[in-house]
């Protein structure tokens, strides 16, 4: 891997942000016409946001659920009370998207935090968030080499044509995206690409989010 290929690519947009006492979520149902943020102050509100697709994409759902666990235990007077609140909160969050693998993976990690103090839960949620961003970066670095090989085979000035489905960009993750990450790095390196974003129904994520 070249030094250029390992340069950090910043996410073009953020799907969510933790502010210290609440979780702010970019309302993806209203994109691209409007940028609107929703504030969640409880695990129940995070669960509703996941269920209603305010936040979408498996990694972003897992990260949102992790922060939702903090909200569930927030304000507990004792570790025992925090554990009880966390148990109830994770149960509510688990119901929000039964098919989301990252959701349950994140909830298991948060439930394993001992003792479940606000500081410990926040540290674990941040780890989950930062690990996902780093994973996106590594996907970008590894995929970039494939795009560069294709560019060399096609010849100078001829763009590499890439097809992507639904949305696997920054809006779906805690970083620059998964399938889209190599594309951002390729663009940053000056590799010519042409990206085709095909569609999903009924929410049209290809046109509304990827494009």
N, C-alpha and C. Protein backbone atom coordinates (compact mmCIF):
# COMPACT_ATOMS: atom_id res chain seq x y z
N UNK A 1 0.85 -1.20 0.00
CA UNK A 1 0.00 0.00 0.00
C UNK A 1 0.89 1.24 0.00
N UNK A 2 0.58 2.20 -0.86
CA UNK A 2 1.37 3.40 -0.92
C UNK A 2 0.99 4.36 0.19
N UNK A 3 1.87 5.33 0.44
CA UNK A 3 1.59 6.32 1.48
C UNK A 3 0.34 7.11 1.12
N UNK A 4 0.17 7.40 -0.17
CA UNK A 4 -1.01 8.16 -0.60
C UNK A 4 -2.30 7.41 -0.30
N UNK A 5 -2.28 6.10 -0.51
CA UNK A 5 -3.50 5.31 -0.33
C UNK A 5 -3.96 5.25 1.10
N UNK A 6 -3.05 5.48 2.05
CA UNK A 6 -3.42 5.38 3.45
C UNK A 6 -3.79 6.73 4.06
N UNK A 7 -3.82 7.77 3.25
CA UNK A 7 -4.23 9.07 3.76
C UNK A 7 -5.67 9.01 4.23
N UNK A 8 -5.96 9.76 5.28
CA UNK A 8 -7.31 9.74 5.86
C UNK A 8 -8.28 10.51 4.97
N UNK A 9 -9.43 9.92 4.77
CA UNK A 9 -10.51 10.58 4.05
C UNK A 9 -11.61 10.93 5.05
N UNK A 10 -11.96 12.20 5.14
CA UNK A 10 -13.01 12.62 6.05
C UNK A 10 -14.37 12.28 5.46
N UNK A 11 -15.30 11.91 6.33
CA UNK A 11 -16.66 11.63 5.88
C UNK A 11 -17.29 12.92 5.36
N UNK A 12 -17.97 12.87 4.20
CA UNK A 12 -18.56 14.08 3.63
C UNK A 12 -19.77 14.56 4.43
N UNK A 13 -20.42 13.65 5.13
CA UNK A 13 -21.57 13.99 5.97
C UNK A 13 -21.52 13.12 7.22
N UNK A 14 -22.28 13.53 8.23
CA UNK A 14 -22.38 12.74 9.46
C UNK A 14 -23.83 12.33 9.67
N UNK A 15 -24.01 11.07 10.04
CA UNK A 15 -25.37 10.57 10.27
C UNK A 15 -25.86 10.87 11.67
N UNK A 16 -24.92 11.03 12.61
CA UNK A 16 -25.32 11.25 14.00
C UNK A 16 -24.19 11.92 14.77
N UNK A 17 -24.55 12.49 15.92
CA UNK A 17 -23.56 13.17 16.77
C UNK A 17 -24.00 13.09 18.22
N UNK A 18 -23.08 12.70 19.08
CA UNK A 18 -23.32 12.68 20.52
C UNK A 18 -22.89 14.01 21.10
N UNK A 19 -23.77 14.66 21.87
CA UNK A 19 -23.48 16.01 22.35
C UNK A 19 -23.14 16.08 23.83
N UNK A 20 -23.08 14.94 24.49
CA UNK A 20 -22.74 14.93 25.91
C UNK A 20 -23.89 14.52 26.79
N UNK A 21 -25.11 14.83 26.38
CA UNK A 21 -26.28 14.40 27.15
C UNK A 21 -27.44 13.99 26.26
N UNK A 22 -27.24 14.02 24.94
CA UNK A 22 -28.29 13.62 24.01
C UNK A 22 -27.65 13.18 22.69
N UNK A 23 -28.45 12.49 21.89
CA UNK A 23 -27.99 12.03 20.59
C UNK A 23 -28.74 12.80 19.51
N UNK A 24 -28.00 13.39 18.58
CA UNK A 24 -28.60 14.11 17.47
C UNK A 24 -28.47 13.28 16.21
N UNK A 25 -29.58 13.10 15.50
CA UNK A 25 -29.64 12.24 14.33
C UNK A 25 -30.08 13.03 13.11
N UNK A 26 -29.32 12.91 12.02
CA UNK A 26 -29.73 13.53 10.77
C UNK A 26 -30.93 12.77 10.23
N UNK A 27 -32.03 13.46 9.98
CA UNK A 27 -33.26 12.80 9.53
C UNK A 27 -33.13 12.46 8.05
N UNK A 28 -32.80 11.19 7.78
CA UNK A 28 -32.53 10.79 6.40
C UNK A 28 -33.80 10.65 5.57
N UNK A 29 -34.94 10.69 6.20
CA UNK A 29 -36.20 10.63 5.45
C UNK A 29 -36.43 11.92 4.68
N UNK A 30 -35.78 13.00 5.10
CA UNK A 30 -36.04 14.31 4.50
C UNK A 30 -34.95 14.74 3.53
N UNK A 31 -33.95 13.89 3.35
CA UNK A 31 -32.91 14.18 2.37
C UNK A 31 -33.38 13.79 0.97
N UNK A 32 -32.88 14.46 -0.08
CA UNK A 32 -31.92 15.56 -0.06
C UNK A 32 -32.54 16.94 -0.01
N UNK A 33 -33.85 17.03 0.07
CA UNK A 33 -34.51 18.34 -0.01
C UNK A 33 -34.24 19.21 1.20
N UNK A 34 -34.05 18.59 2.36
CA UNK A 34 -33.94 19.36 3.59
C UNK A 34 -32.98 18.68 4.56
N UNK A 35 -32.14 19.47 5.21
CA UNK A 35 -31.27 18.96 6.28
C UNK A 35 -31.92 19.27 7.62
N UNK A 36 -32.38 18.24 8.29
CA UNK A 36 -33.05 18.41 9.58
C UNK A 36 -32.48 17.40 10.57
N UNK A 37 -32.29 17.84 11.80
CA UNK A 37 -31.73 16.99 12.84
C UNK A 37 -32.79 16.74 13.92
N UNK A 38 -32.79 15.53 14.43
CA UNK A 38 -33.71 15.14 15.50
C UNK A 38 -32.90 14.85 16.76
N UNK A 39 -33.35 15.39 17.87
CA UNK A 39 -32.67 15.17 19.14
C UNK A 39 -33.37 14.04 19.90
N UNK A 40 -32.58 13.07 20.35
CA UNK A 40 -33.11 11.96 21.15
C UNK A 40 -32.55 12.06 22.56
N UNK A 41 -33.44 12.07 23.54
CA UNK A 41 -33.05 12.19 24.94
C UNK A 41 -33.30 10.93 25.74
N UNK A 42 -33.74 9.86 25.08
CA UNK A 42 -34.03 8.61 25.77
C UNK A 42 -33.80 7.45 24.83
N UNK A 43 -33.66 6.25 25.43
CA UNK A 43 -33.52 5.04 24.61
C UNK A 43 -34.76 4.83 23.76
N UNK A 44 -35.92 5.16 24.30
CA UNK A 44 -37.16 5.00 23.54
C UNK A 44 -37.17 5.88 22.30
N UNK A 45 -36.64 7.09 22.41
CA UNK A 45 -36.61 7.99 21.26
C UNK A 45 -35.60 7.51 20.22
N UNK A 46 -34.48 6.95 20.67
CA UNK A 46 -33.52 6.37 19.73
C UNK A 46 -34.14 5.19 19.02
N UNK A 47 -34.84 4.34 19.77
CA UNK A 47 -35.51 3.18 19.19
C UNK A 47 -36.51 3.61 18.13
N UNK A 48 -37.25 4.66 18.40
CA UNK A 48 -38.24 5.17 17.44
C UNK A 48 -37.54 5.69 16.18
N UNK A 49 -36.40 6.34 16.35
CA UNK A 49 -35.66 6.86 15.20
C UNK A 49 -35.14 5.73 14.33
N UNK A 50 -34.70 4.64 14.95
CA UNK A 50 -34.23 3.48 14.18
C UNK A 50 -35.41 2.83 13.46
N UNK A 51 -36.50 2.64 14.17
CA UNK A 51 -37.68 1.99 13.60
C UNK A 51 -38.24 2.78 12.42
N UNK A 52 -38.27 4.11 12.54
CA UNK A 52 -38.87 4.96 11.51
C UNK A 52 -37.88 5.36 10.41
N UNK A 53 -36.65 4.84 10.49
CA UNK A 53 -35.61 5.06 9.48
C UNK A 53 -35.12 6.50 9.41
N UNK A 54 -35.20 7.19 10.55
CA UNK A 54 -34.49 8.47 10.67
C UNK A 54 -33.01 8.20 10.48
N UNK A 55 -32.52 7.16 11.16
CA UNK A 55 -31.16 6.66 10.96
C UNK A 55 -31.28 5.30 10.30
N UNK A 56 -30.40 5.02 9.34
CA UNK A 56 -30.46 3.76 8.60
C UNK A 56 -29.04 3.32 8.27
N UNK A 57 -28.92 2.08 7.81
CA UNK A 57 -27.60 1.52 7.55
C UNK A 57 -27.15 0.76 8.78
N UNK A 58 -26.74 -0.49 8.60
CA UNK A 58 -26.43 -1.35 9.74
C UNK A 58 -25.41 -0.76 10.72
N UNK A 59 -24.26 -0.26 10.24
CA UNK A 59 -23.29 0.30 11.20
C UNK A 59 -23.84 1.50 11.97
N UNK A 60 -24.52 2.42 11.28
CA UNK A 60 -25.06 3.61 11.94
C UNK A 60 -26.13 3.24 12.96
N UNK A 61 -26.92 2.21 12.65
CA UNK A 61 -27.94 1.74 13.59
C UNK A 61 -27.27 1.22 14.86
N UNK A 62 -26.21 0.44 14.71
CA UNK A 62 -25.50 -0.08 15.87
C UNK A 62 -24.91 1.02 16.73
N UNK A 63 -24.33 2.02 16.09
CA UNK A 63 -23.74 3.15 16.82
C UNK A 63 -24.83 3.93 17.55
N UNK A 64 -25.93 4.19 16.88
CA UNK A 64 -27.04 4.91 17.51
C UNK A 64 -27.56 4.14 18.72
N UNK A 65 -27.68 2.82 18.60
CA UNK A 65 -28.15 2.00 19.71
C UNK A 65 -27.18 2.06 20.89
N UNK A 66 -25.88 2.10 20.61
CA UNK A 66 -24.89 2.19 21.68
C UNK A 66 -25.07 3.48 22.48
N UNK A 67 -25.26 4.58 21.78
CA UNK A 67 -25.51 5.84 22.47
C UNK A 67 -26.87 5.82 23.17
N UNK A 68 -27.83 5.11 22.59
CA UNK A 68 -29.12 4.97 23.23
C UNK A 68 -29.02 4.27 24.58
N UNK A 69 -28.07 3.35 24.71
CA UNK A 69 -27.85 2.67 25.98
C UNK A 69 -27.39 3.64 27.06
N UNK A 70 -26.58 4.61 26.67
CA UNK A 70 -26.16 5.64 27.63
C UNK A 70 -27.38 6.40 28.13
N UNK A 71 -28.25 6.78 27.21
CA UNK A 71 -29.46 7.51 27.59
C UNK A 71 -30.34 6.68 28.51
N UNK A 72 -30.34 5.36 28.29
CA UNK A 72 -31.17 4.48 29.13
C UNK A 72 -30.70 4.51 30.58
N UNK A 73 -29.39 4.50 30.78
CA UNK A 73 -28.83 4.43 32.14
C UNK A 73 -28.56 5.80 32.75
N UNK A 74 -28.67 6.84 31.97
CA UNK A 74 -28.35 8.19 32.43
C UNK A 74 -29.21 8.59 33.62
N UNK A 75 -28.57 9.16 34.64
CA UNK A 75 -29.29 9.64 35.80
C UNK A 75 -29.51 8.62 36.89
N UNK A 76 -29.03 7.38 36.69
CA UNK A 76 -29.18 6.35 37.72
C UNK A 76 -28.35 6.70 38.94
N UNK A 77 -28.90 6.46 40.12
CA UNK A 77 -28.20 6.81 41.37
C UNK A 77 -27.18 5.76 41.77
N UNK A 78 -27.38 4.53 41.38
CA UNK A 78 -26.49 3.43 41.75
C UNK A 78 -26.20 2.56 40.53
N UNK A 79 -25.16 1.72 40.65
CA UNK A 79 -24.84 0.79 39.57
C UNK A 79 -25.98 -0.20 39.35
N UNK A 80 -26.63 -0.59 40.43
CA UNK A 80 -27.75 -1.53 40.33
C UNK A 80 -28.91 -0.90 39.54
N UNK A 81 -29.20 0.35 39.86
CA UNK A 81 -30.26 1.03 39.12
C UNK A 81 -29.88 1.22 37.66
N UNK A 82 -28.60 1.56 37.42
CA UNK A 82 -28.13 1.73 36.04
C UNK A 82 -28.28 0.44 35.26
N UNK A 83 -27.96 -0.68 35.89
CA UNK A 83 -28.08 -1.98 35.22
C UNK A 83 -29.54 -2.29 34.89
N UNK A 84 -30.44 -1.96 35.81
CA UNK A 84 -31.86 -2.19 35.56
C UNK A 84 -32.36 -1.33 34.40
N UNK A 85 -31.95 -0.07 34.41
CA UNK A 85 -32.36 0.84 33.33
C UNK A 85 -31.77 0.39 31.99
N UNK A 86 -30.51 -0.07 32.03
CA UNK A 86 -29.85 -0.53 30.82
C UNK A 86 -30.57 -1.75 30.24
N UNK A 87 -30.96 -2.66 31.10
CA UNK A 87 -31.68 -3.86 30.65
C UNK A 87 -32.98 -3.50 29.97
N UNK A 88 -33.71 -2.57 30.58
CA UNK A 88 -34.98 -2.14 29.99
C UNK A 88 -34.75 -1.39 28.67
N UNK A 89 -33.71 -0.56 28.65
CA UNK A 89 -33.41 0.21 27.44
C UNK A 89 -32.98 -0.66 26.28
N UNK A 90 -32.13 -1.65 26.55
CA UNK A 90 -31.67 -2.53 25.48
C UNK A 90 -32.83 -3.36 24.92
N UNK A 91 -33.76 -3.74 25.79
CA UNK A 91 -34.94 -4.48 25.32
C UNK A 91 -35.75 -3.64 24.36
N UNK A 92 -35.92 -2.35 24.68
CA UNK A 92 -36.68 -1.44 23.81
C UNK A 92 -35.93 -1.24 22.48
N UNK A 93 -34.63 -1.06 22.57
CA UNK A 93 -33.85 -0.85 21.36
C UNK A 93 -33.84 -2.09 20.46
N UNK A 94 -33.80 -3.26 21.07
CA UNK A 94 -33.77 -4.52 20.31
C UNK A 94 -35.03 -4.70 19.47
N UNK A 95 -36.13 -4.13 19.91
CA UNK A 95 -37.40 -4.26 19.19
C UNK A 95 -37.48 -3.34 17.97
N UNK A 96 -36.56 -2.40 17.87
CA UNK A 96 -36.67 -1.37 16.83
C UNK A 96 -36.39 -1.89 15.44
N UNK A 97 -35.48 -2.84 15.30
CA UNK A 97 -35.14 -3.40 13.98
C UNK A 97 -34.66 -4.84 14.17
N UNK A 98 -35.56 -5.79 14.23
CA UNK A 98 -35.21 -7.18 14.56
C UNK A 98 -34.21 -7.83 13.62
N UNK A 99 -34.07 -7.31 12.39
CA UNK A 99 -33.18 -7.93 11.41
C UNK A 99 -31.79 -7.28 11.36
N UNK A 100 -31.54 -6.28 12.18
CA UNK A 100 -30.28 -5.53 12.11
C UNK A 100 -29.20 -6.22 12.95
N UNK A 101 -28.24 -6.85 12.28
CA UNK A 101 -27.19 -7.59 12.99
C UNK A 101 -26.34 -6.67 13.86
N UNK A 102 -25.95 -5.51 13.31
CA UNK A 102 -25.12 -4.59 14.08
C UNK A 102 -25.82 -4.07 15.32
N UNK A 103 -27.12 -3.97 15.27
CA UNK A 103 -27.89 -3.51 16.43
C UNK A 103 -27.67 -4.44 17.61
N UNK A 104 -27.85 -5.72 17.40
CA UNK A 104 -27.72 -6.67 18.50
C UNK A 104 -26.27 -6.84 18.95
N UNK A 105 -25.36 -6.74 17.99
CA UNK A 105 -23.93 -6.80 18.33
C UNK A 105 -23.55 -5.65 19.26
N UNK A 106 -24.01 -4.44 18.92
CA UNK A 106 -23.71 -3.27 19.75
C UNK A 106 -24.37 -3.38 21.12
N UNK A 107 -25.61 -3.85 21.15
CA UNK A 107 -26.31 -3.98 22.43
C UNK A 107 -25.61 -4.98 23.35
N UNK A 108 -25.12 -6.08 22.78
CA UNK A 108 -24.38 -7.06 23.60
C UNK A 108 -23.12 -6.44 24.18
N UNK A 109 -22.43 -5.65 23.40
CA UNK A 109 -21.22 -4.98 23.91
C UNK A 109 -21.56 -4.01 25.04
N UNK A 110 -22.63 -3.26 24.88
CA UNK A 110 -23.00 -2.30 25.91
C UNK A 110 -23.47 -3.00 27.18
N UNK A 111 -24.17 -4.12 27.04
CA UNK A 111 -24.64 -4.86 28.21
C UNK A 111 -23.49 -5.49 28.98
N UNK A 112 -22.36 -5.71 28.31
CA UNK A 112 -21.20 -6.34 28.97
C UNK A 112 -20.36 -5.34 29.75
N UNK A 113 -20.67 -4.04 29.67
CA UNK A 113 -19.91 -3.02 30.38
C UNK A 113 -20.16 -3.14 31.87
N UNK A 114 -19.08 -3.23 32.65
CA UNK A 114 -19.19 -3.38 34.10
C UNK A 114 -18.19 -2.47 34.80
N UNK A 115 -18.65 -1.69 35.81
CA UNK A 115 -20.06 -1.40 36.10
C UNK A 115 -20.64 -0.49 35.02
N UNK A 116 -21.96 -0.49 34.85
CA UNK A 116 -22.58 0.29 33.77
C UNK A 116 -22.75 1.77 34.12
N UNK A 117 -21.65 2.39 34.51
CA UNK A 117 -21.71 3.83 34.82
C UNK A 117 -21.77 4.62 33.52
N UNK A 118 -22.18 5.87 33.62
CA UNK A 118 -22.29 6.73 32.43
C UNK A 118 -20.94 6.85 31.72
N UNK A 119 -19.86 6.99 32.51
CA UNK A 119 -18.53 7.14 31.92
C UNK A 119 -18.10 5.88 31.18
N UNK A 120 -18.35 4.72 31.79
CA UNK A 120 -17.97 3.46 31.16
C UNK A 120 -18.78 3.18 29.90
N UNK A 121 -20.07 3.48 29.96
CA UNK A 121 -20.92 3.27 28.79
C UNK A 121 -20.53 4.21 27.66
N UNK A 122 -20.20 5.44 28.00
CA UNK A 122 -19.79 6.40 26.98
C UNK A 122 -18.48 5.95 26.32
N UNK A 123 -17.54 5.44 27.11
CA UNK A 123 -16.28 4.97 26.56
C UNK A 123 -16.50 3.83 25.57
N UNK A 124 -17.40 2.91 25.92
CA UNK A 124 -17.68 1.78 25.03
C UNK A 124 -18.39 2.24 23.75
N UNK A 125 -19.34 3.15 23.88
CA UNK A 125 -20.05 3.66 22.70
C UNK A 125 -19.09 4.39 21.77
N UNK A 126 -18.19 5.17 22.34
CA UNK A 126 -17.20 5.87 21.51
C UNK A 126 -16.27 4.88 20.82
N UNK A 127 -15.91 3.81 21.52
CA UNK A 127 -15.08 2.77 20.89
C UNK A 127 -15.79 2.16 19.69
N UNK A 128 -17.07 1.85 19.85
CA UNK A 128 -17.86 1.29 18.76
C UNK A 128 -17.88 2.25 17.57
N UNK A 129 -18.09 3.52 17.85
CA UNK A 129 -18.14 4.55 16.81
C UNK A 129 -16.79 4.68 16.10
N UNK A 130 -15.72 4.78 16.87
CA UNK A 130 -14.39 4.98 16.30
C UNK A 130 -13.90 3.74 15.55
N UNK A 131 -14.25 2.56 16.05
CA UNK A 131 -13.86 1.33 15.37
C UNK A 131 -14.52 1.24 14.00
N UNK A 132 -15.77 1.68 13.91
CA UNK A 132 -16.46 1.64 12.63
C UNK A 132 -15.83 2.61 11.64
N UNK A 133 -15.49 3.80 12.11
CA UNK A 133 -14.84 4.78 11.24
C UNK A 133 -13.50 4.24 10.72
N UNK A 134 -12.74 3.58 11.60
CA UNK A 134 -11.46 3.00 11.19
C UNK A 134 -11.66 1.86 10.19
N UNK A 135 -12.71 1.07 10.39
CA UNK A 135 -13.02 -0.02 9.48
C UNK A 135 -13.36 0.52 8.09
N UNK A 136 -14.14 1.60 8.05
CA UNK A 136 -14.47 2.23 6.77
C UNK A 136 -13.20 2.68 6.05
N UNK A 137 -12.29 3.26 6.80
CA UNK A 137 -11.03 3.72 6.21
C UNK A 137 -10.25 2.55 5.61
N UNK A 138 -10.20 1.43 6.33
CA UNK A 138 -9.46 0.27 5.83
C UNK A 138 -10.13 -0.31 4.58
N UNK A 139 -11.47 -0.31 4.55
CA UNK A 139 -12.18 -0.76 3.35
C UNK A 139 -11.78 0.13 2.17
N UNK A 140 -11.73 1.44 2.41
CA UNK A 140 -11.34 2.37 1.36
C UNK A 140 -9.95 2.11 0.83
N UNK A 141 -9.00 1.88 1.74
CA UNK A 141 -7.62 1.65 1.35
C UNK A 141 -7.47 0.37 0.53
N UNK A 142 -8.15 -0.70 0.97
CA UNK A 142 -8.04 -1.97 0.26
C UNK A 142 -8.75 -1.92 -1.09
N UNK A 143 -9.93 -1.28 -1.12
CA UNK A 143 -10.67 -1.19 -2.38
C UNK A 143 -10.00 -0.28 -3.39
N UNK A 144 -9.27 0.72 -2.90
CA UNK A 144 -8.61 1.65 -3.81
C UNK A 144 -7.64 0.94 -4.74
N UNK A 145 -6.93 -0.06 -4.22
CA UNK A 145 -5.96 -0.77 -5.06
C UNK A 145 -6.65 -1.45 -6.24
N UNK A 146 -7.87 -1.95 -6.04
CA UNK A 146 -8.62 -2.58 -7.12
C UNK A 146 -9.03 -1.55 -8.17
N UNK A 147 -9.45 -0.38 -7.71
CA UNK A 147 -9.83 0.68 -8.65
C UNK A 147 -8.61 1.14 -9.44
N UNK A 148 -7.48 1.27 -8.77
CA UNK A 148 -6.25 1.70 -9.46
C UNK A 148 -5.82 0.67 -10.51
N UNK A 149 -5.96 -0.62 -10.18
CA UNK A 149 -5.63 -1.66 -11.15
C UNK A 149 -6.54 -1.58 -12.37
N UNK A 150 -7.84 -1.36 -12.11
CA UNK A 150 -8.79 -1.24 -13.21
C UNK A 150 -8.49 -0.01 -14.06
N UNK A 151 -8.10 1.09 -13.41
CA UNK A 151 -7.77 2.32 -14.14
C UNK A 151 -6.56 2.11 -15.04
N UNK A 152 -5.56 1.39 -14.53
CA UNK A 152 -4.37 1.12 -15.32
C UNK A 152 -4.69 0.26 -16.54
N UNK A 153 -5.60 -0.69 -16.36
CA UNK A 153 -5.98 -1.58 -17.45
C UNK A 153 -6.79 -0.85 -18.51
N UNK A 154 -7.58 0.14 -18.11
CA UNK A 154 -8.44 0.87 -19.05
C UNK A 154 -7.66 1.92 -19.83
N UNK A 155 -6.59 2.40 -19.27
CA UNK A 155 -5.80 3.40 -19.97
C UNK A 155 -6.07 4.80 -19.47
N UNK A 156 -5.15 5.68 -19.69
CA UNK A 156 -5.22 7.05 -19.17
C UNK A 156 -6.46 7.79 -19.68
N UNK A 157 -7.14 8.45 -18.74
CA UNK A 157 -8.28 9.28 -19.09
C UNK A 157 -9.61 8.55 -19.20
N UNK A 158 -9.58 7.22 -19.16
CA UNK A 158 -10.83 6.46 -19.27
C UNK A 158 -11.31 6.12 -17.86
N UNK A 159 -12.48 6.60 -17.46
CA UNK A 159 -12.93 6.38 -16.08
C UNK A 159 -13.27 4.92 -15.80
N UNK A 160 -13.00 4.52 -14.58
CA UNK A 160 -13.43 3.20 -14.10
C UNK A 160 -14.91 3.31 -13.75
N UNK A 161 -15.71 2.42 -14.31
CA UNK A 161 -17.15 2.47 -14.07
C UNK A 161 -17.51 1.55 -12.91
N UNK A 162 -18.20 2.12 -11.91
CA UNK A 162 -18.52 1.39 -10.67
C UNK A 162 -20.02 1.44 -10.43
N UNK A 163 -20.59 0.29 -10.13
CA UNK A 163 -22.02 0.20 -9.81
C UNK A 163 -22.17 -0.05 -8.31
N UNK A 164 -23.00 0.76 -7.66
CA UNK A 164 -23.27 0.55 -6.23
C UNK A 164 -24.78 0.53 -6.01
N UNK A 165 -25.20 -0.23 -5.03
CA UNK A 165 -26.63 -0.45 -4.80
C UNK A 165 -27.07 0.19 -3.49
N UNK A 166 -28.28 0.77 -3.49
CA UNK A 166 -28.87 1.37 -2.28
C UNK A 166 -27.94 2.46 -1.77
N UNK A 167 -27.62 2.47 -0.48
CA UNK A 167 -26.69 3.46 0.07
C UNK A 167 -25.76 2.80 1.06
N UNK A 168 -24.47 2.88 0.79
CA UNK A 168 -23.46 2.33 1.69
C UNK A 168 -22.42 3.40 1.99
N UNK A 169 -22.87 4.64 2.02
CA UNK A 169 -21.98 5.76 2.23
C UNK A 169 -21.88 6.19 3.67
N UNK A 170 -21.40 7.40 3.87
CA UNK A 170 -21.20 7.92 5.23
C UNK A 170 -22.50 7.97 6.02
N UNK A 171 -23.63 8.14 5.34
CA UNK A 171 -24.91 8.19 6.02
C UNK A 171 -25.28 6.86 6.67
N UNK A 172 -24.66 5.78 6.23
CA UNK A 172 -24.98 4.45 6.74
C UNK A 172 -23.99 3.95 7.78
N UNK A 173 -22.96 4.75 8.06
CA UNK A 173 -21.87 4.28 8.92
C UNK A 173 -21.42 5.38 9.89
N UNK A 174 -20.36 5.06 10.63
CA UNK A 174 -19.76 6.05 11.51
C UNK A 174 -18.57 6.73 10.88
N UNK A 175 -18.27 6.40 9.62
CA UNK A 175 -17.12 6.97 8.93
C UNK A 175 -17.47 7.39 7.52
N UNK A 176 -16.57 7.08 6.58
CA UNK A 176 -16.73 7.54 5.20
C UNK A 176 -17.62 6.61 4.39
N UNK A 177 -18.01 5.49 4.96
CA UNK A 177 -18.84 4.54 4.24
C UNK A 177 -18.12 3.23 4.02
N UNK A 178 -18.84 2.25 3.50
CA UNK A 178 -18.24 0.94 3.23
C UNK A 178 -17.95 0.83 1.74
N UNK A 179 -18.93 0.47 0.94
CA UNK A 179 -18.70 0.30 -0.50
C UNK A 179 -18.26 1.60 -1.17
N UNK A 180 -18.66 2.74 -0.62
CA UNK A 180 -18.30 4.02 -1.24
C UNK A 180 -16.90 4.51 -0.84
N UNK A 181 -16.34 3.95 0.22
CA UNK A 181 -15.06 4.44 0.72
C UNK A 181 -13.95 4.42 -0.34
N UNK A 182 -13.78 3.32 -1.10
CA UNK A 182 -12.74 3.34 -2.14
C UNK A 182 -12.98 4.41 -3.20
N UNK A 183 -14.24 4.74 -3.43
CA UNK A 183 -14.55 5.76 -4.44
C UNK A 183 -14.08 7.14 -3.99
N UNK A 184 -14.28 7.45 -2.70
CA UNK A 184 -13.81 8.73 -2.18
C UNK A 184 -12.29 8.83 -2.27
N UNK A 185 -11.60 7.75 -1.91
CA UNK A 185 -10.14 7.76 -1.98
C UNK A 185 -9.68 7.88 -3.42
N UNK A 186 -10.34 7.16 -4.34
CA UNK A 186 -9.96 7.24 -5.74
C UNK A 186 -10.12 8.67 -6.26
N UNK A 187 -11.23 9.29 -5.92
CA UNK A 187 -11.45 10.68 -6.35
C UNK A 187 -10.38 11.59 -5.76
N UNK A 188 -10.04 11.36 -4.49
CA UNK A 188 -9.01 12.18 -3.84
C UNK A 188 -7.66 12.02 -4.52
N UNK A 189 -7.39 10.83 -5.04
CA UNK A 189 -6.11 10.55 -5.69
C UNK A 189 -6.10 10.93 -7.17
N UNK A 190 -7.23 11.42 -7.67
CA UNK A 190 -7.28 11.82 -9.06
C UNK A 190 -7.53 10.68 -10.03
N UNK A 191 -7.98 9.53 -9.53
CA UNK A 191 -8.31 8.40 -10.41
C UNK A 191 -9.70 8.66 -11.00
N UNK A 192 -9.83 8.68 -12.32
CA UNK A 192 -11.14 8.96 -12.92
C UNK A 192 -12.12 7.81 -12.70
N UNK A 193 -13.29 8.11 -12.17
CA UNK A 193 -14.33 7.10 -11.94
C UNK A 193 -15.67 7.64 -12.39
N UNK A 194 -16.56 6.73 -12.77
CA UNK A 194 -17.96 7.05 -13.06
C UNK A 194 -18.79 6.10 -12.22
N UNK A 195 -19.60 6.66 -11.33
CA UNK A 195 -20.35 5.85 -10.38
C UNK A 195 -21.83 5.80 -10.78
N UNK A 196 -22.37 4.60 -10.84
CA UNK A 196 -23.79 4.38 -11.12
C UNK A 196 -24.46 3.92 -9.83
N UNK A 197 -25.41 4.69 -9.34
CA UNK A 197 -26.11 4.35 -8.09
C UNK A 197 -27.47 3.79 -8.47
N UNK A 198 -27.64 2.46 -8.34
CA UNK A 198 -28.94 1.91 -8.67
C UNK A 198 -29.88 1.98 -7.48
N UNK A 199 -31.11 1.57 -7.69
CA UNK A 199 -32.19 1.97 -6.81
C UNK A 199 -32.72 0.88 -5.88
N UNK A 200 -33.35 1.32 -4.81
CA UNK A 200 -34.08 0.43 -3.91
C UNK A 200 -35.48 1.01 -3.70
N UNK A 201 -36.40 0.14 -3.40
CA UNK A 201 -37.78 0.55 -3.14
C UNK A 201 -38.16 0.15 -1.71
N UNK A 202 -39.04 0.91 -1.06
CA UNK A 202 -39.77 2.06 -1.60
C UNK A 202 -39.14 3.40 -1.25
N UNK A 203 -37.98 3.41 -0.56
CA UNK A 203 -37.45 4.68 -0.04
C UNK A 203 -36.42 5.34 -0.95
N UNK A 204 -36.07 4.70 -2.05
CA UNK A 204 -35.24 5.33 -3.07
C UNK A 204 -33.89 5.83 -2.55
N UNK A 205 -33.20 4.99 -1.74
CA UNK A 205 -31.93 5.44 -1.17
C UNK A 205 -30.87 5.74 -2.20
N UNK A 206 -30.92 5.03 -3.35
CA UNK A 206 -29.93 5.30 -4.39
C UNK A 206 -29.99 6.74 -4.86
N UNK A 207 -31.17 7.19 -5.22
CA UNK A 207 -31.35 8.56 -5.72
C UNK A 207 -31.29 9.60 -4.61
N UNK A 208 -31.89 9.29 -3.49
CA UNK A 208 -32.03 10.28 -2.42
C UNK A 208 -30.77 10.44 -1.58
N UNK A 209 -30.02 9.36 -1.38
CA UNK A 209 -28.87 9.42 -0.46
C UNK A 209 -27.54 9.27 -1.19
N UNK A 210 -27.37 8.20 -1.99
CA UNK A 210 -26.09 7.99 -2.65
C UNK A 210 -25.81 9.10 -3.65
N UNK A 211 -26.76 9.36 -4.54
CA UNK A 211 -26.52 10.36 -5.59
C UNK A 211 -26.32 11.75 -4.99
